[in-house]
Amino acid sequence: MPPLQPPDSHHLAAALGWLELGSAHEAAAELEKISPAWQTHPDVLEMRWAVHSEAKDWEAALPAARALTQAAPDRASGWLHQAYALRRTAGGGLQAAFDLLRPAADRFPQDWLIAYNLACYTCQLRQMDTACEWLLRAAGEGDRKQILQMALDDPDLRPLRDKIKDFAAGG
């Protein structure tokens, strides 16, 4: 899909600016100014998800993420956003988020963040061996030191803290 052109690209940039300033409401208002024909552009959908995420409106974030995966199925972020929102919606949850994101790990095998999120989901589902496998896969695809440090600070991975320390020490 071609990039947005002015004035729509300006509204998208303004939405990002408002979001960075912490105003999801103003960011959403900027998105509404984008031409109707471009409302389904992947960059607009990505920003719409970010606005809903910032507002912690998961019920609205989920359809935005679903639309993003339909508009740009080769963007890993759409799959990640969809799982993230699904985990937090009524009728969703950890298992639903895992089930949605698991096939994306095959589709995007080098995306460490997908593997990392799968580690979080399986850890919270008390599947510790599987969580370790996903975490090691994430560390193998990205910056190992940075990812393991992030894992040490992640409440979702708290039950694996001792194993993560072993991994970080080279074990």
N, C-alpha and C. Protein backbone atom coordinates (compact mmCIF):
# COMPACT_ATOMS: atom_id res chain seq x y z
N MET A 1 0.85 -1.18 0.00
CA MET A 1 0.00 0.00 0.00
C MET A 1 0.90 1.24 0.00
N PRO A 2 0.54 2.24 -0.78
CA PRO A 2 1.37 3.45 -0.84
C PRO A 2 1.32 4.22 0.48
N PRO A 3 2.34 5.02 0.72
CA PRO A 3 2.34 5.82 1.96
C PRO A 3 1.26 6.89 1.91
N LEU A 4 0.83 7.31 3.08
CA LEU A 4 -0.12 8.41 3.17
C LEU A 4 0.50 9.69 2.62
N GLN A 5 -0.33 10.51 2.04
CA GLN A 5 0.10 11.79 1.50
C GLN A 5 -0.55 12.92 2.31
N PRO A 6 0.04 14.13 2.26
CA PRO A 6 -0.59 15.26 2.94
C PRO A 6 -1.99 15.49 2.39
N PRO A 7 -2.92 15.90 3.17
CA PRO A 7 -2.81 16.26 4.58
C PRO A 7 -2.95 15.06 5.53
N ASP A 8 -3.31 13.88 4.99
CA ASP A 8 -3.51 12.72 5.86
C ASP A 8 -2.25 12.34 6.62
N SER A 9 -1.10 12.43 5.97
CA SER A 9 0.15 12.11 6.66
C SER A 9 0.41 13.08 7.81
N HIS A 10 -0.02 14.32 7.65
CA HIS A 10 0.14 15.31 8.72
C HIS A 10 -0.75 14.98 9.92
N HIS A 11 -1.95 14.53 9.64
CA HIS A 11 -2.86 14.14 10.74
C HIS A 11 -2.31 12.92 11.47
N LEU A 12 -1.73 12.00 10.73
CA LEU A 12 -1.13 10.82 11.37
C LEU A 12 0.05 11.24 12.25
N ALA A 13 0.89 12.13 11.74
CA ALA A 13 2.02 12.62 12.53
C ALA A 13 1.54 13.38 13.76
N ALA A 14 0.49 14.15 13.60
CA ALA A 14 -0.06 14.89 14.74
C ALA A 14 -0.62 13.92 15.78
N ALA A 15 -1.26 12.85 15.31
CA ALA A 15 -1.78 11.84 16.25
C ALA A 15 -0.64 11.24 17.06
N LEU A 16 0.47 10.94 16.40
CA LEU A 16 1.63 10.41 17.11
C LEU A 16 2.14 11.42 18.14
N GLY A 17 2.20 12.67 17.75
CA GLY A 17 2.64 13.71 18.67
C GLY A 17 1.76 13.80 19.89
N TRP A 18 0.45 13.79 19.68
CA TRP A 18 -0.47 13.83 20.81
C TRP A 18 -0.32 12.60 21.70
N LEU A 19 -0.13 11.47 21.08
CA LEU A 19 0.04 10.24 21.86
C LEU A 19 1.32 10.32 22.71
N GLU A 20 2.39 10.84 22.11
CA GLU A 20 3.64 10.99 22.86
C GLU A 20 3.49 11.98 24.01
N LEU A 21 2.58 12.93 23.88
CA LEU A 21 2.30 13.88 24.94
C LEU A 21 1.32 13.32 25.97
N GLY A 22 0.82 12.12 25.72
CA GLY A 22 -0.07 11.48 26.68
C GLY A 22 -1.54 11.79 26.49
N SER A 23 -1.92 12.31 25.34
CA SER A 23 -3.32 12.64 25.11
C SER A 23 -3.90 11.72 24.04
N ALA A 24 -4.42 10.59 24.47
CA ALA A 24 -5.05 9.66 23.55
C ALA A 24 -6.28 10.28 22.91
N HIS A 25 -6.98 11.12 23.66
CA HIS A 25 -8.19 11.76 23.14
C HIS A 25 -7.86 12.66 21.95
N GLU A 26 -6.84 13.50 22.08
CA GLU A 26 -6.45 14.39 20.98
C GLU A 26 -5.89 13.59 19.80
N ALA A 27 -5.16 12.51 20.11
CA ALA A 27 -4.63 11.64 19.04
C ALA A 27 -5.78 11.03 18.25
N ALA A 28 -6.80 10.57 18.94
CA ALA A 28 -7.96 9.99 18.27
C ALA A 28 -8.66 11.03 17.39
N ALA A 29 -8.73 12.26 17.88
CA ALA A 29 -9.36 13.33 17.10
C ALA A 29 -8.59 13.58 15.80
N GLU A 30 -7.27 13.53 15.87
CA GLU A 30 -6.46 13.70 14.65
C GLU A 30 -6.71 12.56 13.66
N LEU A 31 -6.84 11.35 14.16
CA LEU A 31 -7.10 10.21 13.26
C LEU A 31 -8.43 10.36 12.54
N GLU A 32 -9.40 10.94 13.20
CA GLU A 32 -10.71 11.14 12.57
C GLU A 32 -10.64 12.13 11.41
N LYS A 33 -9.62 12.95 11.36
CA LYS A 33 -9.47 13.93 10.28
C LYS A 33 -8.89 13.30 9.01
N ILE A 34 -8.41 12.08 9.10
CA ILE A 34 -7.86 11.41 7.93
C ILE A 34 -9.00 11.03 6.99
N SER A 35 -8.77 11.18 5.71
CA SER A 35 -9.79 10.90 4.69
C SER A 35 -10.38 9.51 4.87
N PRO A 36 -11.67 9.36 4.65
CA PRO A 36 -12.31 8.05 4.80
C PRO A 36 -11.63 6.95 3.98
N ALA A 37 -11.16 7.29 2.79
CA ALA A 37 -10.51 6.29 1.93
C ALA A 37 -9.23 5.75 2.53
N TRP A 38 -8.63 6.48 3.46
CA TRP A 38 -7.36 6.07 4.04
C TRP A 38 -7.48 5.58 5.48
N GLN A 39 -8.69 5.47 5.98
CA GLN A 39 -8.89 5.01 7.36
C GLN A 39 -8.43 3.57 7.58
N THR A 40 -8.37 2.78 6.50
CA THR A 40 -7.93 1.38 6.64
C THR A 40 -6.47 1.19 6.23
N HIS A 41 -5.76 2.27 6.06
CA HIS A 41 -4.32 2.18 5.76
C HIS A 41 -3.63 1.56 6.99
N PRO A 42 -2.70 0.64 6.79
CA PRO A 42 -2.05 -0.01 7.93
C PRO A 42 -1.42 0.95 8.93
N ASP A 43 -0.85 2.05 8.47
CA ASP A 43 -0.26 3.01 9.42
C ASP A 43 -1.32 3.67 10.28
N VAL A 44 -2.48 3.93 9.71
CA VAL A 44 -3.59 4.53 10.46
C VAL A 44 -4.12 3.50 11.47
N LEU A 45 -4.28 2.26 11.03
CA LEU A 45 -4.77 1.22 11.93
C LEU A 45 -3.79 0.97 13.08
N GLU A 46 -2.51 1.00 12.76
CA GLU A 46 -1.47 0.84 13.80
C GLU A 46 -1.60 1.95 14.84
N MET A 47 -1.78 3.17 14.37
CA MET A 47 -1.91 4.30 15.30
C MET A 47 -3.22 4.21 16.08
N ARG A 48 -4.28 3.77 15.41
CA ARG A 48 -5.57 3.63 16.10
C ARG A 48 -5.43 2.62 17.24
N TRP A 49 -4.73 1.50 16.97
CA TRP A 49 -4.49 0.53 18.04
C TRP A 49 -3.70 1.18 19.18
N ALA A 50 -2.67 1.95 18.84
CA ALA A 50 -1.84 2.59 19.87
C ALA A 50 -2.67 3.56 20.72
N VAL A 51 -3.57 4.27 20.09
CA VAL A 51 -4.44 5.20 20.82
C VAL A 51 -5.32 4.44 21.80
N HIS A 52 -5.95 3.37 21.34
CA HIS A 52 -6.81 2.57 22.22
C HIS A 52 -5.99 1.89 23.32
N SER A 53 -4.80 1.46 22.97
CA SER A 53 -3.92 0.82 23.95
C SER A 53 -3.54 1.82 25.04
N GLU A 54 -3.16 3.01 24.65
CA GLU A 54 -2.80 4.05 25.61
C GLU A 54 -3.96 4.32 26.57
N ALA A 55 -5.16 4.29 26.03
CA ALA A 55 -6.37 4.53 26.84
C ALA A 55 -6.81 3.27 27.58
N LYS A 56 -6.12 2.16 27.34
CA LYS A 56 -6.46 0.86 27.93
C LYS A 56 -7.91 0.46 27.59
N ASP A 57 -8.31 0.82 26.39
CA ASP A 57 -9.63 0.45 25.87
C ASP A 57 -9.44 -0.78 24.98
N TRP A 58 -9.32 -1.92 25.62
CA TRP A 58 -8.98 -3.17 24.91
C TRP A 58 -10.11 -3.63 24.00
N GLU A 59 -11.34 -3.32 24.36
CA GLU A 59 -12.48 -3.71 23.52
C GLU A 59 -12.43 -2.98 22.18
N ALA A 60 -11.91 -1.75 22.16
CA ALA A 60 -11.74 -1.01 20.90
C ALA A 60 -10.41 -1.34 20.23
N ALA A 61 -9.40 -1.66 21.03
CA ALA A 61 -8.08 -1.99 20.48
C ALA A 61 -8.12 -3.28 19.67
N LEU A 62 -8.90 -4.24 20.13
CA LEU A 62 -8.94 -5.55 19.46
C LEU A 62 -9.41 -5.44 18.01
N PRO A 63 -10.53 -4.78 17.70
CA PRO A 63 -10.92 -4.67 16.29
C PRO A 63 -9.92 -3.89 15.44
N ALA A 64 -9.26 -2.90 16.04
CA ALA A 64 -8.24 -2.17 15.30
C ALA A 64 -7.09 -3.10 14.92
N ALA A 65 -6.68 -3.94 15.86
CA ALA A 65 -5.60 -4.90 15.59
C ALA A 65 -6.04 -5.94 14.56
N ARG A 66 -7.27 -6.39 14.66
CA ARG A 66 -7.78 -7.36 13.67
C ARG A 66 -7.79 -6.74 12.27
N ALA A 67 -8.21 -5.49 12.19
CA ALA A 67 -8.22 -4.80 10.90
C ALA A 67 -6.79 -4.65 10.37
N LEU A 68 -5.84 -4.41 11.26
CA LEU A 68 -4.45 -4.29 10.85
C LEU A 68 -3.93 -5.61 10.29
N THR A 69 -4.25 -6.72 10.93
CA THR A 69 -3.77 -8.01 10.41
C THR A 69 -4.41 -8.33 9.06
N GLN A 70 -5.62 -7.86 8.85
CA GLN A 70 -6.26 -8.07 7.54
C GLN A 70 -5.66 -7.16 6.47
N ALA A 71 -5.39 -5.92 6.84
CA ALA A 71 -4.85 -4.96 5.87
C ALA A 71 -3.38 -5.22 5.56
N ALA A 72 -2.64 -5.72 6.57
CA ALA A 72 -1.20 -5.93 6.40
C ALA A 72 -0.79 -7.22 7.13
N PRO A 73 -1.18 -8.38 6.58
CA PRO A 73 -0.89 -9.64 7.27
C PRO A 73 0.60 -9.93 7.43
N ASP A 74 1.44 -9.25 6.69
CA ASP A 74 2.88 -9.46 6.81
C ASP A 74 3.54 -8.55 7.83
N ARG A 75 2.75 -7.80 8.56
CA ARG A 75 3.27 -7.00 9.67
C ARG A 75 3.10 -7.78 10.96
N ALA A 76 4.18 -8.14 11.58
CA ALA A 76 4.11 -8.89 12.83
C ALA A 76 3.38 -8.10 13.91
N SER A 77 3.50 -6.79 13.86
CA SER A 77 2.89 -5.97 14.91
C SER A 77 1.38 -6.18 15.02
N GLY A 78 0.71 -6.41 13.91
CA GLY A 78 -0.73 -6.64 13.97
C GLY A 78 -1.08 -7.87 14.78
N TRP A 79 -0.31 -8.92 14.60
CA TRP A 79 -0.55 -10.16 15.34
C TRP A 79 -0.24 -9.95 16.82
N LEU A 80 0.84 -9.25 17.11
CA LEU A 80 1.19 -8.96 18.50
C LEU A 80 0.13 -8.10 19.17
N HIS A 81 -0.31 -7.06 18.48
CA HIS A 81 -1.33 -6.17 19.04
C HIS A 81 -2.63 -6.92 19.29
N GLN A 82 -2.98 -7.78 18.35
CA GLN A 82 -4.23 -8.51 18.49
C GLN A 82 -4.18 -9.43 19.71
N ALA A 83 -3.08 -10.16 19.89
CA ALA A 83 -2.94 -11.05 21.04
C ALA A 83 -2.92 -10.24 22.34
N TYR A 84 -2.20 -9.13 22.34
CA TYR A 84 -2.09 -8.30 23.53
C TYR A 84 -3.47 -7.81 23.97
N ALA A 85 -4.27 -7.33 23.02
CA ALA A 85 -5.61 -6.85 23.34
C ALA A 85 -6.52 -8.01 23.73
N LEU A 86 -6.44 -9.12 23.01
CA LEU A 86 -7.30 -10.27 23.29
C LEU A 86 -7.09 -10.77 24.71
N ARG A 87 -5.86 -10.75 25.16
CA ARG A 87 -5.57 -11.18 26.54
C ARG A 87 -6.37 -10.37 27.55
N ARG A 88 -6.67 -9.14 27.22
CA ARG A 88 -7.26 -8.21 28.17
C ARG A 88 -8.76 -7.95 27.95
N THR A 89 -9.36 -8.60 26.97
CA THR A 89 -10.78 -8.35 26.70
C THR A 89 -11.65 -9.41 27.36
N ALA A 90 -12.91 -9.03 27.55
CA ALA A 90 -13.89 -10.00 28.04
C ALA A 90 -14.03 -11.09 26.98
N GLY A 91 -14.00 -12.32 27.40
CA GLY A 91 -14.08 -13.43 26.47
C GLY A 91 -12.75 -13.81 25.87
N GLY A 92 -11.70 -13.09 26.22
CA GLY A 92 -10.36 -13.40 25.73
C GLY A 92 -9.58 -14.17 26.79
N GLY A 93 -8.44 -13.65 27.16
CA GLY A 93 -7.63 -14.27 28.20
C GLY A 93 -6.32 -14.81 27.66
N LEU A 94 -5.56 -15.39 28.55
CA LEU A 94 -4.22 -15.88 28.22
C LEU A 94 -4.23 -16.96 27.16
N GLN A 95 -5.07 -17.96 27.33
CA GLN A 95 -5.07 -19.07 26.38
C GLN A 95 -5.49 -18.59 24.99
N ALA A 96 -6.48 -17.72 24.93
CA ALA A 96 -6.93 -17.19 23.64
C ALA A 96 -5.81 -16.38 22.98
N ALA A 97 -5.09 -15.60 23.77
CA ALA A 97 -3.98 -14.81 23.24
C ALA A 97 -2.88 -15.73 22.73
N PHE A 98 -2.57 -16.76 23.49
CA PHE A 98 -1.55 -17.72 23.05
C PHE A 98 -1.98 -18.39 21.75
N ASP A 99 -3.21 -18.88 21.72
CA ASP A 99 -3.71 -19.59 20.53
C ASP A 99 -3.67 -18.71 19.29
N LEU A 100 -3.93 -17.43 19.45
CA LEU A 100 -3.89 -16.51 18.32
C LEU A 100 -2.46 -16.24 17.87
N LEU A 101 -1.56 -16.06 18.84
CA LEU A 101 -0.19 -15.65 18.51
C LEU A 101 0.70 -16.81 18.09
N ARG A 102 0.40 -18.02 18.54
CA ARG A 102 1.27 -19.17 18.26
C ARG A 102 1.55 -19.35 16.77
N PRO A 103 0.55 -19.32 15.88
CA PRO A 103 0.85 -19.47 14.45
C PRO A 103 1.72 -18.34 13.90
N ALA A 104 1.67 -17.17 14.52
CA ALA A 104 2.50 -16.06 14.06
C ALA A 104 3.98 -16.35 14.29
N ALA A 105 4.30 -17.19 15.27
CA ALA A 105 5.70 -17.55 15.50
C ALA A 105 6.27 -18.32 14.31
N ASP A 106 5.43 -19.11 13.65
CA ASP A 106 5.87 -19.81 12.44
C ASP A 106 5.94 -18.87 11.24
N ARG A 107 5.03 -17.93 11.21
CA ARG A 107 4.97 -16.97 10.10
C ARG A 107 6.13 -15.97 10.17
N PHE A 108 6.54 -15.61 11.40
CA PHE A 108 7.61 -14.64 11.62
C PHE A 108 8.67 -15.25 12.54
N PRO A 109 9.39 -16.26 12.07
CA PRO A 109 10.30 -16.99 12.97
C PRO A 109 11.45 -16.16 13.54
N GLN A 110 11.82 -15.07 12.91
CA GLN A 110 12.91 -14.25 13.43
C GLN A 110 12.43 -13.12 14.34
N ASP A 111 11.14 -13.02 14.56
CA ASP A 111 10.62 -11.94 15.39
C ASP A 111 10.70 -12.35 16.86
N TRP A 112 11.68 -11.80 17.55
CA TRP A 112 11.91 -12.20 18.94
C TRP A 112 10.75 -11.79 19.85
N LEU A 113 10.05 -10.70 19.52
CA LEU A 113 8.99 -10.22 20.39
C LEU A 113 7.79 -11.18 20.41
N ILE A 114 7.54 -11.84 19.31
CA ILE A 114 6.47 -12.85 19.30
C ILE A 114 6.84 -13.98 20.24
N ALA A 115 8.06 -14.50 20.12
CA ALA A 115 8.50 -15.57 21.01
C ALA A 115 8.49 -15.11 22.47
N TYR A 116 8.89 -13.89 22.71
CA TYR A 116 8.90 -13.35 24.07
C TYR A 116 7.48 -13.33 24.66
N ASN A 117 6.53 -12.84 23.86
CA ASN A 117 5.15 -12.80 24.34
C ASN A 117 4.60 -14.20 24.57
N LEU A 118 4.97 -15.14 23.72
CA LEU A 118 4.54 -16.52 23.94
C LEU A 118 5.15 -17.07 25.23
N ALA A 119 6.36 -16.66 25.56
CA ALA A 119 6.98 -17.05 26.83
C ALA A 119 6.15 -16.49 27.99
N CYS A 120 5.74 -15.25 27.88
CA CYS A 120 4.93 -14.64 28.94
C CYS A 120 3.61 -15.38 29.11
N TYR A 121 2.95 -15.66 27.99
CA TYR A 121 1.65 -16.33 28.07
C TYR A 121 1.79 -17.73 28.67
N THR A 122 2.77 -18.49 28.20
CA THR A 122 2.91 -19.85 28.73
C THR A 122 3.36 -19.85 30.18
N CYS A 123 4.16 -18.88 30.57
CA CYS A 123 4.55 -18.78 31.97
C CYS A 123 3.32 -18.53 32.84
N GLN A 124 2.47 -17.60 32.42
CA GLN A 124 1.26 -17.30 33.17
C GLN A 124 0.27 -18.47 33.16
N LEU A 125 0.37 -19.32 32.14
CA LEU A 125 -0.46 -20.53 32.08
C LEU A 125 0.18 -21.69 32.85
N ARG A 126 1.30 -21.40 33.51
CA ARG A 126 2.04 -22.37 34.34
C ARG A 126 2.64 -23.51 33.53
N GLN A 127 3.02 -23.21 32.30
CA GLN A 127 3.72 -24.17 31.44
C GLN A 127 5.18 -23.75 31.41
N MET A 128 5.88 -24.00 32.51
CA MET A 128 7.20 -23.41 32.72
C MET A 128 8.25 -23.89 31.72
N ASP A 129 8.26 -25.17 31.41
CA ASP A 129 9.26 -25.66 30.44
C ASP A 129 9.05 -25.02 29.07
N THR A 130 7.80 -24.93 28.67
CA THR A 130 7.48 -24.30 27.38
C THR A 130 7.83 -22.82 27.41
N ALA A 131 7.56 -22.17 28.54
CA ALA A 131 7.90 -20.75 28.67
C ALA A 131 9.41 -20.55 28.52
N CYS A 132 10.20 -21.42 29.12
CA CYS A 132 11.66 -21.33 28.99
C CYS A 132 12.09 -21.50 27.54
N GLU A 133 11.47 -22.43 26.84
CA GLU A 133 11.81 -22.65 25.43
C GLU A 133 11.52 -21.39 24.61
N TRP A 134 10.36 -20.77 24.84
CA TRP A 134 10.01 -19.56 24.09
C TRP A 134 10.95 -18.42 24.45
N LEU A 135 11.29 -18.31 25.73
CA LEU A 135 12.19 -17.23 26.13
C LEU A 135 13.57 -17.41 25.51
N LEU A 136 14.07 -18.62 25.49
CA LEU A 136 15.37 -18.88 24.87
C LEU A 136 15.32 -18.63 23.37
N ARG A 137 14.20 -18.94 22.76
CA ARG A 137 14.05 -18.65 21.33
C ARG A 137 14.09 -17.14 21.10
N ALA A 138 13.39 -16.39 21.94
CA ALA A 138 13.41 -14.94 21.83
C ALA A 138 14.83 -14.41 21.99
N ALA A 139 15.53 -14.91 22.99
CA ALA A 139 16.90 -14.46 23.26
C ALA A 139 17.83 -14.82 22.11
N GLY A 140 17.55 -15.93 21.43
CA GLY A 140 18.36 -16.34 20.29
C GLY A 140 18.12 -15.50 19.05
N GLU A 141 16.94 -14.90 18.94
CA GLU A 141 16.60 -14.10 17.76
C GLU A 141 16.93 -12.61 17.94
N GLY A 142 17.04 -12.17 19.18
CA GLY A 142 17.28 -10.75 19.44
C GLY A 142 18.56 -10.55 20.23
N ASP A 143 18.64 -9.42 20.89
CA ASP A 143 19.78 -9.08 21.75
C ASP A 143 19.63 -9.84 23.06
N ARG A 144 20.35 -10.95 23.17
CA ARG A 144 20.19 -11.87 24.30
C ARG A 144 20.26 -11.15 25.65
N LYS A 145 21.27 -10.36 25.83
CA LYS A 145 21.46 -9.68 27.12
C LYS A 145 20.28 -8.76 27.43
N GLN A 146 19.87 -7.97 26.46
CA GLN A 146 18.77 -7.03 26.65
C GLN A 146 17.45 -7.77 26.92
N ILE A 147 17.20 -8.83 26.18
CA ILE A 147 15.95 -9.58 26.34
C ILE A 147 15.90 -10.25 27.70
N LEU A 148 17.00 -10.85 28.13
CA LEU A 148 17.00 -11.51 29.44
C LEU A 148 16.87 -10.48 30.56
N GLN A 149 17.46 -9.31 30.40
CA GLN A 149 17.28 -8.26 31.40
C GLN A 149 15.82 -7.82 31.46
N MET A 150 15.22 -7.66 30.30
CA MET A 150 13.80 -7.30 30.23
C MET A 150 12.96 -8.39 30.92
N ALA A 151 13.31 -9.63 30.68
CA ALA A 151 12.57 -10.75 31.29
C ALA A 151 12.68 -10.74 32.81
N LEU A 152 13.85 -10.37 33.31
CA LEU A 152 14.02 -10.30 34.77
C LEU A 152 13.09 -9.27 35.40
N ASP A 153 12.77 -8.22 34.66
CA ASP A 153 11.91 -7.16 35.17
C ASP A 153 10.43 -7.36 34.84
N ASP A 154 10.10 -8.39 34.08
CA ASP A 154 8.73 -8.59 33.60
C ASP A 154 7.91 -9.38 34.62
N PRO A 155 6.84 -8.78 35.15
CA PRO A 155 6.02 -9.51 36.13
C PRO A 155 5.42 -10.80 35.58
N ASP A 156 5.17 -10.86 34.26
CA ASP A 156 4.63 -12.09 33.67
C ASP A 156 5.61 -13.25 33.80
N LEU A 157 6.89 -12.94 33.85
CA LEU A 157 7.92 -13.98 33.89
C LEU A 157 8.51 -14.17 35.28
N ARG A 158 7.94 -13.54 36.27
CA ARG A 158 8.45 -13.63 37.65
C ARG A 158 8.65 -15.08 38.11
N PRO A 159 7.75 -16.01 37.79
CA PRO A 159 7.97 -17.40 38.25
C PRO A 159 9.24 -18.03 37.68
N LEU A 160 9.81 -17.45 36.63
CA LEU A 160 11.03 -18.00 36.01
C LEU A 160 12.28 -17.23 36.41
N ARG A 161 12.18 -16.34 37.37
CA ARG A 161 13.28 -15.44 37.69
C ARG A 161 14.61 -16.17 37.90
N ASP A 162 14.62 -17.26 38.67
CA ASP A 162 15.87 -17.98 38.92
C ASP A 162 16.43 -18.59 37.64
N LYS A 163 15.57 -19.16 36.81
CA LYS A 163 16.04 -19.72 35.54
C LYS A 163 16.57 -18.63 34.62
N ILE A 164 15.90 -17.49 34.62
CA ILE A 164 16.35 -16.38 33.77
C ILE A 164 17.74 -15.93 34.22
N LYS A 165 17.96 -15.86 35.52
CA LYS A 165 19.29 -15.49 36.02
C LYS A 165 20.33 -16.50 35.56
N ASP A 166 19.96 -17.78 35.56
CA ASP A 166 20.89 -18.82 35.06
C ASP A 166 21.17 -18.61 33.57
N PHE A 167 20.11 -18.32 32.80
CA PHE A 167 20.30 -18.09 31.36
C PHE A 167 21.23 -16.88 31.15
N ALA A 168 21.01 -15.82 31.92
CA ALA A 168 21.80 -14.61 31.77
C ALA A 168 23.26 -14.85 32.15
N ALA A 169 23.49 -15.77 33.07
CA ALA A 169 24.85 -16.10 33.50
C ALA A 169 25.54 -17.06 32.52
N GLY A 170 24.81 -17.44 31.49
CA GLY A 170 25.39 -18.33 30.48
C GLY A 170 24.94 -19.77 30.60
N GLY A 171 24.01 -20.03 31.50
CA GLY A 171 23.55 -21.42 31.71
C GLY A 171 22.47 -21.85 30.78
